[in-house]
Amino acid sequence: MIKIKRVYESASPDDGRRIYIDRLWPRGMKKEEVKIDEWLKDISPSDSLRKWFGHDPSKYAEFKRRYTKELEKRSEILERIKKEAKKETVTLLFSAKDVEHNNATVLKELLSV
């Protein structure tokens, strides 16, 4: 099972394996505060795509298309996460305030296919 959750929310035993998927460390959080099993910067959107998107919901459809294209180059990482999710719950952690329009929602959709 794959879930998504804001990194600012408390960790829960139900989270299973916790993977932080943003390129930038979450603001205001110390590394010892964040309970993560892995930080996968390589599957986060490129800096240019992240800056272009700017968390503007009106750009989400195009962001999703461009980000999916970027992820085609990261298929080995995506396959590894899919395999892990078959064995245990995997929670993808993100820092965006918008819980509907972000890279984690795109990843969850891709990995759940």
PDB file of N, CA and C in Angstrom:
ATOM      1  N   MET A   1       0.842  -1.170   0.000  1.00  0.00           N
ATOM      2  CA  MET A   1       0.000   0.000   0.000  1.00  0.00           C
ATOM      3  C   MET A   1       0.893   1.241   0.000  1.00  0.00           C
ATOM      4  N   ILE A   2       0.461   2.242  -0.750  1.00  0.00           N
ATOM      5  CA  ILE A   2       1.187   3.505  -0.796  1.00  0.00           C
ATOM      6  C   ILE A   2       0.282   4.603  -0.262  1.00  0.00           C
ATOM      7  N   LYS A   3       0.822   5.362   0.676  1.00  0.00           N
ATOM      8  CA  LYS A   3       0.104   6.497   1.248  1.00  0.00           C
ATOM      9  C   LYS A   3       0.957   7.746   1.061  1.00  0.00           C
ATOM     10  N   ILE A   4       0.314   8.895   1.195  1.00  0.00           N
ATOM     11  CA  ILE A   4       1.059  10.153   1.197  1.00  0.00           C
ATOM     12  C   ILE A   4       0.704  10.922   2.467  1.00  0.00           C
ATOM     13  N   LYS A   5       1.665  11.735   2.904  1.00  0.00           N
ATOM     14  CA  LYS A   5       1.474  12.453   4.159  1.00  0.00           C
ATOM     15  C   LYS A   5       2.421  13.644   4.192  1.00  0.00           C
ATOM     16  N   ARG A   6       1.968  14.732   4.770  1.00  0.00           N
ATOM     17  CA  ARG A   6       2.868  15.877   4.958  1.00  0.00           C
ATOM     18  C   ARG A   6       3.925  15.503   5.985  1.00  0.00           C
ATOM     19  N   VAL A   7       5.144  15.893   5.716  1.00  0.00           N
ATOM     20  CA  VAL A   7       6.261  15.574   6.604  1.00  0.00           C
ATOM     21  C   VAL A   7       6.089  16.241   7.971  1.00  0.00           C
ATOM     22  N   TYR A   8       5.289  17.294   8.037  1.00  0.00           N
ATOM     23  CA  TYR A   8       5.057  18.023   9.283  1.00  0.00           C
ATOM     24  C   TYR A   8       4.095  17.292  10.213  1.00  0.00           C
ATOM     25  N   GLU A   9       3.384  16.294   9.704  1.00  0.00           N
ATOM     26  CA  GLU A   9       2.480  15.497  10.537  1.00  0.00           C
ATOM     27  C   GLU A   9       3.291  14.484  11.337  1.00  0.00           C
ATOM     28  N   SER A  10       2.789  14.130  12.491  1.00  0.00           N
ATOM     29  CA  SER A  10       3.489  13.165  13.349  1.00  0.00           C
ATOM     30  C   SER A  10       3.580  11.800  12.684  1.00  0.00           C
ATOM     31  N   ALA A  11       4.680  11.126  12.962  1.00  0.00           N
ATOM     32  CA  ALA A  11       4.859   9.764  12.464  1.00  0.00           C
ATOM     33  C   ALA A  11       3.884   8.839  13.185  1.00  0.00           C
ATOM     34  N   SER A  12       3.478   7.797  12.486  1.00  0.00           N
ATOM     35  CA  SER A  12       2.546   6.828  13.037  1.00  0.00           C
ATOM     36  C   SER A  12       3.045   5.424  12.686  1.00  0.00           C
ATOM     37  N   PRO A  13       2.790   4.440  13.539  1.00  0.00           N
ATOM     38  CA  PRO A  13       3.172   3.060  13.193  1.00  0.00           C
ATOM     39  C   PRO A  13       2.522   2.590  11.890  1.00  0.00           C
ATOM     40  N   ASP A  14       1.357   3.166  11.553  1.00  0.00           N
ATOM     41  CA  ASP A  14       0.662   2.813  10.313  1.00  0.00           C
ATOM     42  C   ASP A  14       1.379   3.311   9.066  1.00  0.00           C
ATOM     43  N   ASP A  15       2.354   4.196   9.237  1.00  0.00           N
ATOM     44  CA  ASP A  15       3.077   4.756   8.080  1.00  0.00           C
ATOM     45  C   ASP A  15       3.947   3.710   7.392  1.00  0.00           C
ATOM     46  N   GLY A  16       4.403   2.737   8.129  1.00  0.00           N
ATOM     47  CA  GLY A  16       5.324   1.764   7.545  1.00  0.00           C
ATOM     48  C   GLY A  16       6.643   2.431   7.197  1.00  0.00           C
ATOM     49  N   ARG A  17       7.131   2.159   5.996  1.00  0.00           N
ATOM     50  CA  ARG A  17       8.387   2.761   5.532  1.00  0.00           C
ATOM     51  C   ARG A  17       8.111   4.197   5.095  1.00  0.00           C
ATOM     52  N   ARG A  18       8.846   5.149   5.686  1.00  0.00           N
ATOM     53  CA  ARG A  18       8.633   6.576   5.424  1.00  0.00           C
ATOM     54  C   ARG A  18       9.737   7.102   4.506  1.00  0.00           C
ATOM     55  N   ILE A  19       9.319   7.581   3.319  1.00  0.00           N
ATOM     56  CA  ILE A  19      10.266   8.079   2.319  1.00  0.00           C
ATOM     57  C   ILE A  19       9.957   9.540   2.024  1.00  0.00           C
ATOM     58  N   TYR A  20      10.936  10.400   2.295  1.00  0.00           N
ATOM     59  CA  TYR A  20      10.791  11.825   2.001  1.00  0.00           C
ATOM     60  C   TYR A  20      11.165  12.041   0.539  1.00  0.00           C
ATOM     61  N   ILE A  21      10.277  12.692  -0.245  1.00  0.00           N
ATOM     62  CA  ILE A  21      10.446  12.751  -1.689  1.00  0.00           C
ATOM     63  C   ILE A  21      10.656  14.154  -2.250  1.00  0.00           C
ATOM     64  N   ASP A  22      10.973  15.116  -1.415  1.00  0.00           N
ATOM     65  CA  ASP A  22      11.241  16.471  -1.903  1.00  0.00           C
ATOM     66  C   ASP A  22      12.738  16.713  -2.006  1.00  0.00           C
ATOM     67  N   ARG A  23      13.108  17.612  -2.893  1.00  0.00           N
ATOM     68  CA  ARG A  23      14.521  17.948  -3.096  1.00  0.00           C
ATOM     69  C   ARG A  23      15.063  18.803  -1.948  1.00  0.00           C
ATOM     70  N   LEU A  24      14.212  19.673  -1.402  1.00  0.00           N
ATOM     71  CA  LEU A  24      14.637  20.587  -0.333  1.00  0.00           C
ATOM     72  C   LEU A  24      14.178  20.069   1.022  1.00  0.00           C
ATOM     73  N   TRP A  25      15.016  20.258   2.029  1.00  0.00           N
ATOM     74  CA  TRP A  25      14.656  19.851   3.387  1.00  0.00           C
ATOM     75  C   TRP A  25      13.492  20.709   3.873  1.00  0.00           C
ATOM     76  N   PRO A  26      12.552  20.154   4.638  1.00  0.00           N
ATOM     77  CA  PRO A  26      11.385  20.920   5.095  1.00  0.00           C
ATOM     78  C   PRO A  26      11.778  22.070   6.029  1.00  0.00           C
ATOM     79  N   ARG A  27      11.199  23.204   5.768  1.00  0.00           N
ATOM     80  CA  ARG A  27      11.503  24.402   6.557  1.00  0.00           C
ATOM     81  C   ARG A  27      11.185  24.205   8.024  1.00  0.00           C
ATOM     82  N   GLY A  28      12.093  24.684   8.840  1.00  0.00           N
ATOM     83  CA  GLY A  28      11.868  24.699  10.275  1.00  0.00           C
ATOM     84  C   GLY A  28      12.004  23.353  10.971  1.00  0.00           C
ATOM     85  N   MET A  29      12.434  22.339  10.266  1.00  0.00           N
ATOM     86  CA  MET A  29      12.551  21.015  10.888  1.00  0.00           C
ATOM     87  C   MET A  29      14.007  20.589  10.968  1.00  0.00           C
ATOM     88  N   LYS A  30      14.356  20.031  12.110  1.00  0.00           N
ATOM     89  CA  LYS A  30      15.707  19.503  12.302  1.00  0.00           C
ATOM     90  C   LYS A  30      15.715  18.038  11.870  1.00  0.00           C
ATOM     91  N   LYS A  31      16.850  17.593  11.376  1.00  0.00           N
ATOM     92  CA  LYS A  31      16.939  16.214  10.882  1.00  0.00           C
ATOM     93  C   LYS A  31      16.563  15.190  11.942  1.00  0.00           C
ATOM     94  N   GLU A  32      16.905  15.464  13.194  1.00  0.00           N
ATOM     95  CA  GLU A  32      16.574  14.505  14.245  1.00  0.00           C
ATOM     96  C   GLU A  32      15.079  14.492  14.586  1.00  0.00           C
ATOM     97  N   GLU A  33      14.334  15.522  14.158  1.00  0.00           N
ATOM     98  CA  GLU A  33      12.890  15.582  14.406  1.00  0.00           C
ATOM     99  C   GLU A  33      12.099  14.757  13.391  1.00  0.00           C
ATOM    100  N   VAL A  34      12.625  14.654  12.185  1.00  0.00           N
ATOM    101  CA  VAL A  34      11.894  14.016  11.096  1.00  0.00           C
ATOM    102  C   VAL A  34      12.210  12.525  11.075  1.00  0.00           C
ATOM    103  N   LYS A  35      11.199  11.736  11.258  1.00  0.00           N
ATOM    104  CA  LYS A  35      11.386  10.284  11.241  1.00  0.00           C
ATOM    105  C   LYS A  35      11.199   9.793   9.809  1.00  0.00           C
ATOM    106  N   ILE A  36      12.326   9.600   9.123  1.00  0.00           N
ATOM    107  CA  ILE A  36      12.279   9.078   7.764  1.00  0.00           C
ATOM    108  C   ILE A  36      13.221   7.880   7.659  1.00  0.00           C
ATOM    109  N   ASP A  37      12.869   6.978   6.760  1.00  0.00           N
ATOM    110  CA  ASP A  37      13.728   5.829   6.494  1.00  0.00           C
ATOM    111  C   ASP A  37      14.657   6.106   5.316  1.00  0.00           C
ATOM    112  N   GLU A  38      14.219   7.015   4.441  1.00  0.00           N
ATOM    113  CA  GLU A  38      15.013   7.305   3.250  1.00  0.00           C
ATOM    114  C   GLU A  38      14.609   8.671   2.709  1.00  0.00           C
ATOM    115  N   TRP A  39      15.572   9.375   2.125  1.00  0.00           N
ATOM    116  CA  TRP A  39      15.321  10.658   1.464  1.00  0.00           C
ATOM    117  C   TRP A  39      15.680  10.461  -0.001  1.00  0.00           C
ATOM    118  N   LEU A  40      14.673  10.446  -0.854  1.00  0.00           N
ATOM    119  CA  LEU A  40      14.879  10.213  -2.281  1.00  0.00           C
ATOM    120  C   LEU A  40      14.773  11.526  -3.068  1.00  0.00           C
ATOM    121  N   LYS A  41      15.831  12.278  -3.085  1.00  0.00           N
ATOM    122  CA  LYS A  41      15.855  13.527  -3.850  1.00  0.00           C
ATOM    123  C   LYS A  41      15.733  13.254  -5.346  1.00  0.00           C
ATOM    124  N   ASP A  42      16.232  12.094  -5.778  1.00  0.00           N
ATOM    125  CA  ASP A  42      16.271  11.783  -7.201  1.00  0.00           C
ATOM    126  C   ASP A  42      14.913  11.638  -7.864  1.00  0.00           C
ATOM    127  N   ILE A  43      13.862  11.444  -7.093  1.00  0.00           N
ATOM    128  CA  ILE A  43      12.546  11.355  -7.725  1.00  0.00           C
ATOM    129  C   ILE A  43      11.715  12.615  -7.505  1.00  0.00           C
ATOM    130  N   SER A  44      12.327  13.634  -6.973  1.00  0.00           N
ATOM    131  CA  SER A  44      11.623  14.908  -6.827  1.00  0.00           C
ATOM    132  C   SER A  44      11.665  15.650  -8.162  1.00  0.00           C
ATOM    133  N   PRO A  45      10.755  16.595  -8.372  1.00  0.00           N
ATOM    134  CA  PRO A  45      10.780  17.364  -9.623  1.00  0.00           C
ATOM    135  C   PRO A  45      12.098  18.143  -9.739  1.00  0.00           C
ATOM    136  N   SER A  46      12.524  18.362 -10.965  1.00  0.00           N
ATOM    137  CA  SER A  46      13.726  19.163 -11.191  1.00  0.00           C
ATOM    138  C   SER A  46      13.512  20.564 -10.620  1.00  0.00           C
ATOM    139  N   ASP A  47      14.593  21.244 -10.332  1.00  0.00           N
ATOM    140  CA  ASP A  47      14.482  22.610  -9.803  1.00  0.00           C
ATOM    141  C   ASP A  47      13.700  23.511 -10.748  1.00  0.00           C
ATOM    142  N   SER A  48      13.978  23.395 -12.045  1.00  0.00           N
ATOM    143  CA  SER A  48      13.281  24.265 -13.004  1.00  0.00           C
ATOM    144  C   SER A  48      11.779  23.972 -13.025  1.00  0.00           C
ATOM    145  N   LEU A  49      11.383  22.701 -12.953  1.00  0.00           N
ATOM    146  CA  LEU A  49       9.961  22.360 -12.933  1.00  0.00           C
ATOM    147  C   LEU A  49       9.316  22.810 -11.628  1.00  0.00           C
ATOM    148  N   ARG A  50       9.998  22.584 -10.536  1.00  0.00           N
ATOM    149  CA  ARG A  50       9.472  22.996  -9.222  1.00  0.00           C
ATOM    150  C   ARG A  50       9.228  24.504  -9.182  1.00  0.00           C
ATOM    151  N   LYS A  51      10.189  25.264  -9.670  1.00  0.00           N
ATOM    152  CA  LYS A  51      10.058  26.732  -9.660  1.00  0.00           C
ATOM    153  C   LYS A  51       8.961  27.190 -10.615  1.00  0.00           C
ATOM    154  N   TRP A  52       8.869  26.553 -11.790  1.00  0.00           N
ATOM    155  CA  TRP A  52       7.830  26.919 -12.755  1.00  0.00           C
ATOM    156  C   TRP A  52       6.444  26.677 -12.154  1.00  0.00           C
ATOM    157  N   PHE A  53       6.269  25.513 -11.533  1.00  0.00           N
ATOM    158  CA  PHE A  53       4.967  25.145 -10.958  1.00  0.00           C
ATOM    159  C   PHE A  53       4.580  26.083  -9.818  1.00  0.00           C
ATOM    160  N   GLY A  54       5.487  26.322  -8.902  1.00  0.00           N
ATOM    161  CA  GLY A  54       5.217  27.236  -7.791  1.00  0.00           C
ATOM    162  C   GLY A  54       3.971  26.900  -6.992  1.00  0.00           C
ATOM    163  N   HIS A  55       3.542  25.653  -7.004  1.00  0.00           N
ATOM    164  CA  HIS A  55       2.348  25.179  -6.290  1.00  0.00           C
ATOM    165  C   HIS A  55       1.085  25.936  -6.703  1.00  0.00           C
ATOM    166  N   ASP A  56       1.033  26.315  -7.966  1.00  0.00           N
ATOM    167  CA  ASP A  56      -0.139  26.990  -8.541  1.00  0.00           C
ATOM    168  C   ASP A  56      -1.105  25.916  -9.045  1.00  0.00           C
ATOM    169  N   PRO A  57      -2.259  25.748  -8.390  1.00  0.00           N
ATOM    170  CA  PRO A  57      -3.197  24.695  -8.793  1.00  0.00           C
ATOM    171  C   PRO A  57      -3.620  24.773 -10.265  1.00  0.00           C
ATOM    172  N   SER A  58      -3.636  25.981 -10.837  1.00  0.00           N
ATOM    173  CA  SER A  58      -4.030  26.109 -12.246  1.00  0.00           C
ATOM    174  C   SER A  58      -2.989  25.496 -13.186  1.00  0.00           C
ATOM    175  N   LYS A  59      -1.769  25.280 -12.705  1.00  0.00           N
ATOM    176  CA  LYS A  59      -0.708  24.669 -13.509  1.00  0.00           C
ATOM    177  C   LYS A  59      -0.547  23.174 -13.215  1.00  0.00           C
ATOM    178  N   TYR A  60      -1.381  22.626 -12.349  1.00  0.00           N
ATOM    179  CA  TYR A  60      -1.182  21.258 -11.886  1.00  0.00           C
ATOM    180  C   TYR A  60      -1.229  20.221 -13.015  1.00  0.00           C
ATOM    181  N   ALA A  61      -2.176  20.332 -13.913  1.00  0.00           N
ATOM    182  CA  ALA A  61      -2.283  19.342 -14.996  1.00  0.00           C
ATOM    183  C   ALA A  61      -1.002  19.319 -15.833  1.00  0.00           C
ATOM    184  N   GLU A  62      -0.482  20.475 -16.167  1.00  0.00           N
ATOM    185  CA  GLU A  62       0.758  20.540 -16.947  1.00  0.00           C
ATOM    186  C   GLU A  62       1.952  20.089 -16.106  1.00  0.00           C
ATOM    187  N   PHE A  63       1.956  20.441 -14.816  1.00  0.00           N
ATOM    188  CA  PHE A  63       3.014  19.977 -13.907  1.00  0.00           C
ATOM    189  C   PHE A  63       3.030  18.452 -13.877  1.00  0.00           C
ATOM    190  N   LYS A  64       1.855  17.868 -13.743  1.00  0.00           N
ATOM    191  CA  LYS A  64       1.737  16.406 -13.680  1.00  0.00           C
ATOM    192  C   LYS A  64       2.296  15.773 -14.953  1.00  0.00           C
ATOM    193  N   ARG A  65       1.969  16.339 -16.103  1.00  0.00           N
ATOM    194  CA  ARG A  65       2.460  15.811 -17.376  1.00  0.00           C
ATOM    195  C   ARG A  65       3.988  15.903 -17.449  1.00  0.00           C
ATOM    196  N   ARG A  66       4.531  17.067 -17.107  1.00  0.00           N
ATOM    197  CA  ARG A  66       5.982  17.272 -17.184  1.00  0.00           C
ATOM    198  C   ARG A  66       6.728  16.415 -16.150  1.00  0.00           C
ATOM    199  N   TYR A  67       6.170  16.331 -14.961  1.00  0.00           N
ATOM    200  CA  TYR A  67       6.816  15.551 -13.903  1.00  0.00           C
ATOM    201  C   TYR A  67       6.810  14.062 -14.265  1.00  0.00           C
ATOM    202  N   THR A  68       5.708  13.575 -14.796  1.00  0.00           N
ATOM    203  CA  THR A  68       5.622  12.187 -15.234  1.00  0.00           C
ATOM    204  C   THR A  68       6.687  11.903 -16.293  1.00  0.00           C
ATOM    205  N   LYS A  69       6.891  12.844 -17.190  1.00  0.00           N
ATOM    206  CA  LYS A  69       7.934  12.702 -18.220  1.00  0.00           C
ATOM    207  C   LYS A  69       9.314  12.613 -17.568  1.00  0.00           C
ATOM    208  N   GLU A  70       9.574  13.461 -16.576  1.00  0.00           N
ATOM    209  CA  GLU A  70      10.853  13.404 -15.862  1.00  0.00           C
ATOM    210  C   GLU A  70      11.047  12.051 -15.174  1.00  0.00           C
ATOM    211  N   LEU A  71       9.981  11.521 -14.633  1.00  0.00           N
ATOM    212  CA  LEU A  71      10.069  10.257 -13.888  1.00  0.00           C
ATOM    213  C   LEU A  71      10.356   9.053 -14.776  1.00  0.00           C
ATOM    214  N   GLU A  72      10.156   9.200 -16.077  1.00  0.00           N
ATOM    215  CA  GLU A  72      10.471   8.100 -16.985  1.00  0.00           C
ATOM    216  C   GLU A  72      11.945   7.720 -16.886  1.00  0.00           C
ATOM    217  N   LYS A  73      12.776   8.677 -16.523  1.00  0.00           N
ATOM    218  CA  LYS A  73      14.219   8.433 -16.379  1.00  0.00           C
ATOM    219  C   LYS A  73      14.560   7.810 -15.022  1.00  0.00           C
ATOM    220  N   ARG A  74      13.578   7.669 -14.162  1.00  0.00           N
ATOM    221  CA  ARG A  74      13.788   7.140 -12.809  1.00  0.00           C
ATOM    222  C   ARG A  74      13.012   5.852 -12.579  1.00  0.00           C
ATOM    223  N   SER A  75      12.767   5.105 -13.626  1.00  0.00           N
ATOM    224  CA  SER A  75      11.908   3.922 -13.522  1.00  0.00           C
ATOM    225  C   SER A  75      12.439   2.888 -12.535  1.00  0.00           C
ATOM    226  N   GLU A  76      13.763   2.762 -12.404  1.00  0.00           N
ATOM    227  CA  GLU A  76      14.320   1.771 -11.474  1.00  0.00           C
ATOM    228  C   GLU A  76      13.964   2.101 -10.026  1.00  0.00           C
ATOM    229  N   ILE A  77      13.951   3.374  -9.693  1.00  0.00           N
ATOM    230  CA  ILE A  77      13.575   3.777  -8.327  1.00  0.00           C
ATOM    231  C   ILE A  77      12.085   3.536  -8.111  1.00  0.00           C
ATOM    232  N   LEU A  78      11.283   3.866  -9.105  1.00  0.00           N
ATOM    233  CA  LEU A  78       9.840   3.659  -8.986  1.00  0.00           C
ATOM    234  C   LEU A  78       9.504   2.179  -8.827  1.00  0.00           C
ATOM    235  N   GLU A  79      10.179   1.331  -9.567  1.00  0.00           N
ATOM    236  CA  GLU A  79       9.945  -0.113  -9.459  1.00  0.00           C
ATOM    237  C   GLU A  79      10.324  -0.627  -8.076  1.00  0.00           C
ATOM    238  N   ARG A  80      11.411  -0.111  -7.539  1.00  0.00           N
ATOM    239  CA  ARG A  80      11.836  -0.527  -6.192  1.00  0.00           C
ATOM    240  C   ARG A  80      10.774  -0.152  -5.157  1.00  0.00           C
ATOM    241  N   ILE A  81      10.222   1.051  -5.271  1.00  0.00           N
ATOM    242  CA  ILE A  81       9.188   1.487  -4.327  1.00  0.00           C
ATOM    243  C   ILE A  81       7.941   0.614  -4.479  1.00  0.00           C
ATOM    244  N   LYS A  82       7.569   0.299  -5.714  1.00  0.00           N
ATOM    245  CA  LYS A  82       6.405  -0.573  -5.943  1.00  0.00           C
ATOM    246  C   LYS A  82       6.597  -1.923  -5.261  1.00  0.00           C
ATOM    247  N   LYS A  83       7.787  -2.495  -5.392  1.00  0.00           N
ATOM    248  CA  LYS A  83       8.073  -3.787  -4.759  1.00  0.00           C
ATOM    249  C   LYS A  83       7.985  -3.691  -3.245  1.00  0.00           C
ATOM    250  N   GLU A  84       8.533  -2.612  -2.694  1.00  0.00           N
ATOM    251  CA  GLU A  84       8.464  -2.419  -1.236  1.00  0.00           C
ATOM    252  C   GLU A  84       7.022  -2.298  -0.783  1.00  0.00           C
ATOM    253  N   ALA A  85       6.205  -1.598  -1.580  1.00  0.00           N
ATOM    254  CA  ALA A  85       4.803  -1.370  -1.210  1.00  0.00           C
ATOM    255  C   ALA A  85       3.981  -2.654  -1.260  1.00  0.00           C
ATOM    256  N   LYS A  86       4.462  -3.661  -1.967  1.00  0.00           N
ATOM    257  CA  LYS A  86       3.766  -4.948  -1.982  1.00  0.00           C
ATOM    258  C   LYS A  86       4.030  -5.723  -0.687  1.00  0.00           C
ATOM    259  N   LYS A  87       5.165  -5.441  -0.051  1.00  0.00           N
ATOM    260  CA  LYS A  87       5.548  -6.135   1.189  1.00  0.00           C
ATOM    261  C   LYS A  87       5.059  -5.409   2.438  1.00  0.00           C
ATOM    262  N   GLU A  88       5.088  -4.073   2.385  1.00  0.00           N
ATOM    263  CA  GLU A  88       4.709  -3.261   3.549  1.00  0.00           C
ATOM    264  C   GLU A  88       4.163  -1.916   3.093  1.00  0.00           C
ATOM    265  N   THR A  89       3.538  -1.204   4.001  1.00  0.00           N
ATOM    266  CA  THR A  89       3.043   0.130   3.695  1.00  0.00           C
ATOM    267  C   THR A  89       4.230   1.058   3.465  1.00  0.00           C
ATOM    268  N   VAL A  90       4.121   1.884   2.431  1.00  0.00           N
ATOM    269  CA  VAL A  90       5.118   2.909   2.134  1.00  0.00           C
ATOM    270  C   VAL A  90       4.400   4.249   2.169  1.00  0.00           C
ATOM    271  N   THR A  91       4.911   5.166   2.972  1.00  0.00           N
ATOM    272  CA  THR A  91       4.343   6.502   3.044  1.00  0.00           C
ATOM    273  C   THR A  91       5.318   7.482   2.414  1.00  0.00           C
ATOM    274  N   LEU A  92       4.825   8.170   1.377  1.00  0.00           N
ATOM    275  CA  LEU A  92       5.617   9.192   0.698  1.00  0.00           C
ATOM    276  C   LEU A  92       5.383  10.513   1.426  1.00  0.00           C
ATOM    277  N   LEU A  93       6.447  11.085   1.933  1.00  0.00           N
ATOM    278  CA  LEU A  93       6.362  12.324   2.707  1.00  0.00           C
ATOM    279  C   LEU A  93       6.712  13.517   1.831  1.00  0.00           C
ATOM    280  N   PHE A  94       5.928  14.575   1.949  1.00  0.00           N
ATOM    281  CA  PHE A  94       6.149  15.801   1.187  1.00  0.00           C
ATOM    282  C   PHE A  94       5.953  17.001   2.100  1.00  0.00           C
ATOM    283  N   SER A  95       6.426  18.172   1.670  1.00  0.00           N
ATOM    284  CA  SER A  95       6.319  19.337   2.541  1.00  0.00           C
ATOM    285  C   SER A  95       5.330  20.394   2.054  1.00  0.00           C
ATOM    286  N   ALA A  96       4.783  20.263   0.869  1.00  0.00           N
ATOM    287  CA  ALA A  96       3.857  21.269   0.330  1.00  0.00           C
ATOM    288  C   ALA A  96       2.632  21.434   1.226  1.00  0.00           C
ATOM    289  N   LYS A  97       2.123  22.664   1.285  1.00  0.00           N
ATOM    290  CA  LYS A  97       0.904  22.921   2.064  1.00  0.00           C
ATOM    291  C   LYS A  97      -0.332  22.358   1.365  1.00  0.00           C
ATOM    292  N   ASP A  98      -0.335  22.434   0.040  1.00  0.00           N
ATOM    293  CA  ASP A  98      -1.462  21.947  -0.753  1.00  0.00           C
ATOM    294  C   ASP A  98      -1.369  20.423  -0.847  1.00  0.00           C
ATOM    295  N   VAL A  99      -2.298  19.743  -0.203  1.00  0.00           N
ATOM    296  CA  VAL A  99      -2.234  18.279  -0.148  1.00  0.00           C
ATOM    297  C   VAL A  99      -2.813  17.603  -1.393  1.00  0.00           C
ATOM    298  N   GLU A 100      -3.400  18.376  -2.301  1.00  0.00           N
ATOM    299  CA  GLU A 100      -3.988  17.804  -3.512  1.00  0.00           C
ATOM    300  C   GLU A 100      -3.137  18.033  -4.754  1.00  0.00           C
ATOM    301  N   HIS A 101      -2.378  19.125  -4.789  1.00  0.00           N
ATOM    302  CA  HIS A 101      -1.620  19.507  -5.986  1.00  0.00           C
ATOM    303  C   HIS A 101      -0.129  19.539  -5.670  1.00  0.00           C
ATOM    304  N   ASN A 102       0.504  18.376  -5.695  1.00  0.00           N
ATOM    305  CA  ASN A 102       1.923  18.295  -5.365  1.00  0.00           C
ATOM    306  C   ASN A 102       2.544  17.051  -5.995  1.00  0.00           C
ATOM    307  N   ASN A 103       3.842  16.927  -5.871  1.00  0.00           N
ATOM    308  CA  ASN A 103       4.538  15.800  -6.475  1.00  0.00           C
ATOM    309  C   ASN A 103       4.160  14.457  -5.842  1.00  0.00           C
ATOM    310  N   ALA A 104       3.808  14.450  -4.579  1.00  0.00           N
ATOM    311  CA  ALA A 104       3.437  13.189  -3.918  1.00  0.00           C
ATOM    312  C   ALA A 104       2.154  12.602  -4.509  1.00  0.00           C
ATOM    313  N   THR A 105       1.196  13.451  -4.852  1.00  0.00           N
ATOM    314  CA  THR A 105      -0.040  12.936  -5.447  1.00  0.00           C
ATOM    315  C   THR A 105       0.232  12.312  -6.818  1.00  0.00           C
ATOM    316  N   VAL A 106       1.140  12.925  -7.568  1.00  0.00           N
ATOM    317  CA  VAL A 106       1.515  12.379  -8.874  1.00  0.00           C
ATOM    318  C   VAL A 106       2.212  11.033  -8.689  1.00  0.00           C
ATOM    319  N   LEU A 107       3.169  10.991  -7.781  1.00  0.00           N
ATOM    320  CA  LEU A 107       3.898   9.741  -7.524  1.00  0.00           C
ATOM    321  C   LEU A 107       2.981   8.626  -7.054  1.00  0.00           C
ATOM    322  N   LYS A 108       2.104   8.939  -6.128  1.00  0.00           N
ATOM    323  CA  LYS A 108       1.194   7.912  -5.619  1.00  0.00           C
ATOM    324  C   LYS A 108       0.357   7.339  -6.750  1.00  0.00           C
ATOM    325  N   GLU A 109      -0.146   8.194  -7.612  1.00  0.00           N
ATOM    326  CA  GLU A 109      -0.954   7.740  -8.744  1.00  0.00           C
ATOM    327  C   GLU A 109      -0.127   6.842  -9.668  1.00  0.00           C
ATOM    328  N   LEU A 110       1.082   7.246  -9.983  1.00  0.00           N
ATOM    329  CA  LEU A 110       1.944   6.445 -10.863  1.00  0.00           C
ATOM    330  C   LEU A 110       2.291   5.099 -10.245  1.00  0.00           C
ATOM    331  N   LEU A 111       2.578   5.094  -8.965  1.00  0.00           N
ATOM    332  CA  LEU A 111       2.991   3.865  -8.287  1.00  0.00           C
ATOM    333  C   LEU A 111       1.828   2.927  -8.008  1.00  0.00           C
ATOM    334  N   SER A 112       0.622   3.438  -8.015  1.00  0.00           N
ATOM    335  CA  SER A 112      -0.555   2.623  -7.705  1.00  0.00           C
ATOM    336  C   SER A 112      -1.133   1.946  -8.935  1.00  0.00           C
ATOM    337  N   VAL A 113      -0.562   2.192 -10.086  1.00  0.00           N
ATOM    338  CA  VAL A 113      -1.070   1.595 -11.329  1.00  0.00           C
ATOM    339  C   VAL A 113      -0.619   0.160 -11.445  1.00  0.00           C
TER     340      VAL A 113
END
